[in-house]
């Protein structure tokens, strides 16, 4: 794969991660928006934990992607 193709693929994957991050936050907000009192408290806790899990997974994917991009770039320089 050429460096340009690898860079384009990485860029596309980063855009997908950004979109998935936005979606995770939107899902969190949507799950708690219309609630109040005990319903809010209970739902917010579960939603927050789900959001944090999703954001952690996305951060891991972003880290792997960044590491792969650096590795591919180093291989291309050789």
C-alpha atoms as a PDB file:
ATOM      1  CA  UNK A   1       0.000   0.000   0.000  1.00  0.00           C
ATOM      2  CA  UNK A   2       1.342   3.435  -0.840  1.00  0.00           C
ATOM      3  CA  UNK A   3       1.904   6.046   1.841  1.00  0.00           C
ATOM      4  CA  UNK A   4      -0.874   8.188   0.333  1.00  0.00           C
ATOM      5  CA  UNK A   5      -3.345   5.293   0.457  1.00  0.00           C
ATOM      6  CA  UNK A   6      -2.366   4.472   4.043  1.00  0.00           C
ATOM      7  CA  UNK A   7      -2.717   8.131   5.079  1.00  0.00           C
ATOM      8  CA  UNK A   8      -6.119   8.351   3.397  1.00  0.00           C
ATOM      9  CA  UNK A   9      -7.295   5.165   5.094  1.00  0.00           C
ATOM     10  CA  UNK A  10      -6.056   6.399   8.483  1.00  0.00           C
ATOM     11  CA  UNK A  11      -7.766   9.732   7.962  1.00  0.00           C
ATOM     12  CA  UNK A  12     -11.033   7.996   7.082  1.00  0.00           C
ATOM     13  CA  UNK A  13     -10.791   5.779  10.158  1.00  0.00           C
ATOM     14  CA  UNK A  14     -10.112   8.802  12.389  1.00  0.00           C
ATOM     15  CA  UNK A  15     -13.196  10.513  10.967  1.00  0.00           C
ATOM     16  CA  UNK A  16     -15.242   7.412  11.779  1.00  0.00           C
ATOM     17  CA  UNK A  17     -13.902   7.438  15.343  1.00  0.00           C
ATOM     18  CA  UNK A  18     -14.842  11.115  15.657  1.00  0.00           C
ATOM     19  CA  UNK A  19     -18.365  10.334  14.467  1.00  0.00           C
ATOM     20  CA  UNK A  20     -18.676   7.421  16.882  1.00  0.00           C
ATOM     21  CA  UNK A  21     -17.505   9.712  19.711  1.00  0.00           C
ATOM     22  CA  UNK A  22     -20.162  12.294  18.817  1.00  0.00           C
ATOM     23  CA  UNK A  23     -22.785   9.559  18.659  1.00  0.00           C
ATOM     24  CA  UNK A  24     -21.788   8.219  22.093  1.00  0.00           C
ATOM     25  CA  UNK A  25     -22.237  11.693  23.603  1.00  0.00           C
ATOM     26  CA  UNK A  26     -25.538  12.225  21.781  1.00  0.00           C
ATOM     27  CA  UNK A  27     -26.831   8.878  23.060  1.00  0.00           C
ATOM     28  CA  UNK A  28     -25.831   9.840  26.599  1.00  0.00           C
ATOM     29  CA  UNK A  29     -27.616  13.196  26.392  1.00  0.00           C
ATOM     30  CA  UNK A  30     -30.704  11.697  24.777  1.00  0.00           C
ATOM     31  CA  UNK A  31     -31.002   9.045  27.475  1.00  0.00           C
ATOM     32  CA  UNK A  32     -31.286  11.624  30.271  1.00  0.00           C
ATOM     33  CA  UNK A  33     -32.838  14.712  28.688  1.00  0.00           C
ATOM     34  CA  UNK A  34     -36.500  14.203  29.586  1.00  0.00           C
ATOM     35  CA  UNK A  35     -35.955  12.675  33.024  1.00  0.00           C
ATOM     36  CA  UNK A  36     -36.052  14.168  36.510  1.00  0.00           C
ATOM     37  CA  UNK A  37     -35.616  13.048  40.102  1.00  0.00           C
ATOM     38  CA  UNK A  38     -34.927   9.379  40.842  1.00  0.00           C
ATOM     39  CA  UNK A  39     -35.493   8.366  37.209  1.00  0.00           C
ATOM     40  CA  UNK A  40     -32.779  10.789  36.129  1.00  0.00           C
ATOM     41  CA  UNK A  41     -30.380   9.690  38.878  1.00  0.00           C
ATOM     42  CA  UNK A  42     -30.705   6.011  38.030  1.00  0.00           C
ATOM     43  CA  UNK A  43     -30.591   6.449  34.261  1.00  0.00           C
ATOM     44  CA  UNK A  44     -27.770   8.976  34.368  1.00  0.00           C
ATOM     45  CA  UNK A  45     -25.522   6.623  36.328  1.00  0.00           C
ATOM     46  CA  UNK A  46     -26.033   3.756  33.875  1.00  0.00           C
ATOM     47  CA  UNK A  47     -25.726   6.071  30.861  1.00  0.00           C
ATOM     48  CA  UNK A  48     -22.548   7.678  32.219  1.00  0.00           C
ATOM     49  CA  UNK A  49     -20.929   4.281  32.755  1.00  0.00           C
ATOM     50  CA  UNK A  50     -21.908   3.234  29.226  1.00  0.00           C
ATOM     51  CA  UNK A  51     -20.515   6.497  27.833  1.00  0.00           C
ATOM     52  CA  UNK A  52     -17.227   6.088  29.696  1.00  0.00           C
ATOM     53  CA  UNK A  53     -16.871   2.501  28.450  1.00  0.00           C
ATOM     54  CA  UNK A  54     -17.544   3.617  24.864  1.00  0.00           C
ATOM     55  CA  UNK A  55     -15.128   6.540  25.094  1.00  0.00           C
ATOM     56  CA  UNK A  56     -12.454   4.258  26.535  1.00  0.00           C
ATOM     57  CA  UNK A  57     -12.885   1.777  23.687  1.00  0.00           C
ATOM     58  CA  UNK A  58     -12.722   4.593  21.143  1.00  0.00           C
ATOM     59  CA  UNK A  59      -9.576   5.989  22.776  1.00  0.00           C
ATOM     60  CA  UNK A  60      -7.982   2.534  22.593  1.00  0.00           C
ATOM     61  CA  UNK A  61      -8.878   2.263  18.911  1.00  0.00           C
ATOM     62  CA  UNK A  62      -7.499   5.754  18.244  1.00  0.00           C
ATOM     63  CA  UNK A  63      -4.259   4.828  20.026  1.00  0.00           C
ATOM     64  CA  UNK A  64      -3.877   1.611  18.000  1.00  0.00           C
ATOM     65  CA  UNK A  65      -4.595   3.521  14.805  1.00  0.00           C
ATOM     66  CA  UNK A  66      -2.046   6.215  15.655  1.00  0.00           C
ATOM     67  CA  UNK A  67       0.544   3.548  16.475  1.00  0.00           C
ATOM     68  CA  UNK A  68      -0.128   1.751  13.200  1.00  0.00           C
ATOM     69  CA  UNK A  69       0.164   5.019  11.267  1.00  0.00           C
ATOM     70  CA  UNK A  70       3.512   5.819  12.890  1.00  0.00           C
ATOM     71  CA  UNK A  71       4.746   2.296  12.170  1.00  0.00           C
ATOM     72  CA  UNK A  72       3.616   2.490   8.530  1.00  0.00           C
ATOM     73  CA  UNK A  73       5.265   5.892   8.168  1.00  0.00           C
ATOM     74  CA  UNK A  74       8.541   4.563   9.585  1.00  0.00           C
ATOM     75  CA  UNK A  75       8.400   1.584   7.224  1.00  0.00           C
ATOM     76  CA  UNK A  76       7.872   3.935   4.289  1.00  0.00           C
ATOM     77  CA  UNK A  77      10.926   5.977   5.271  1.00  0.00           C
ATOM     78  CA  UNK A  78      13.200   2.947   5.220  1.00  0.00           C
END
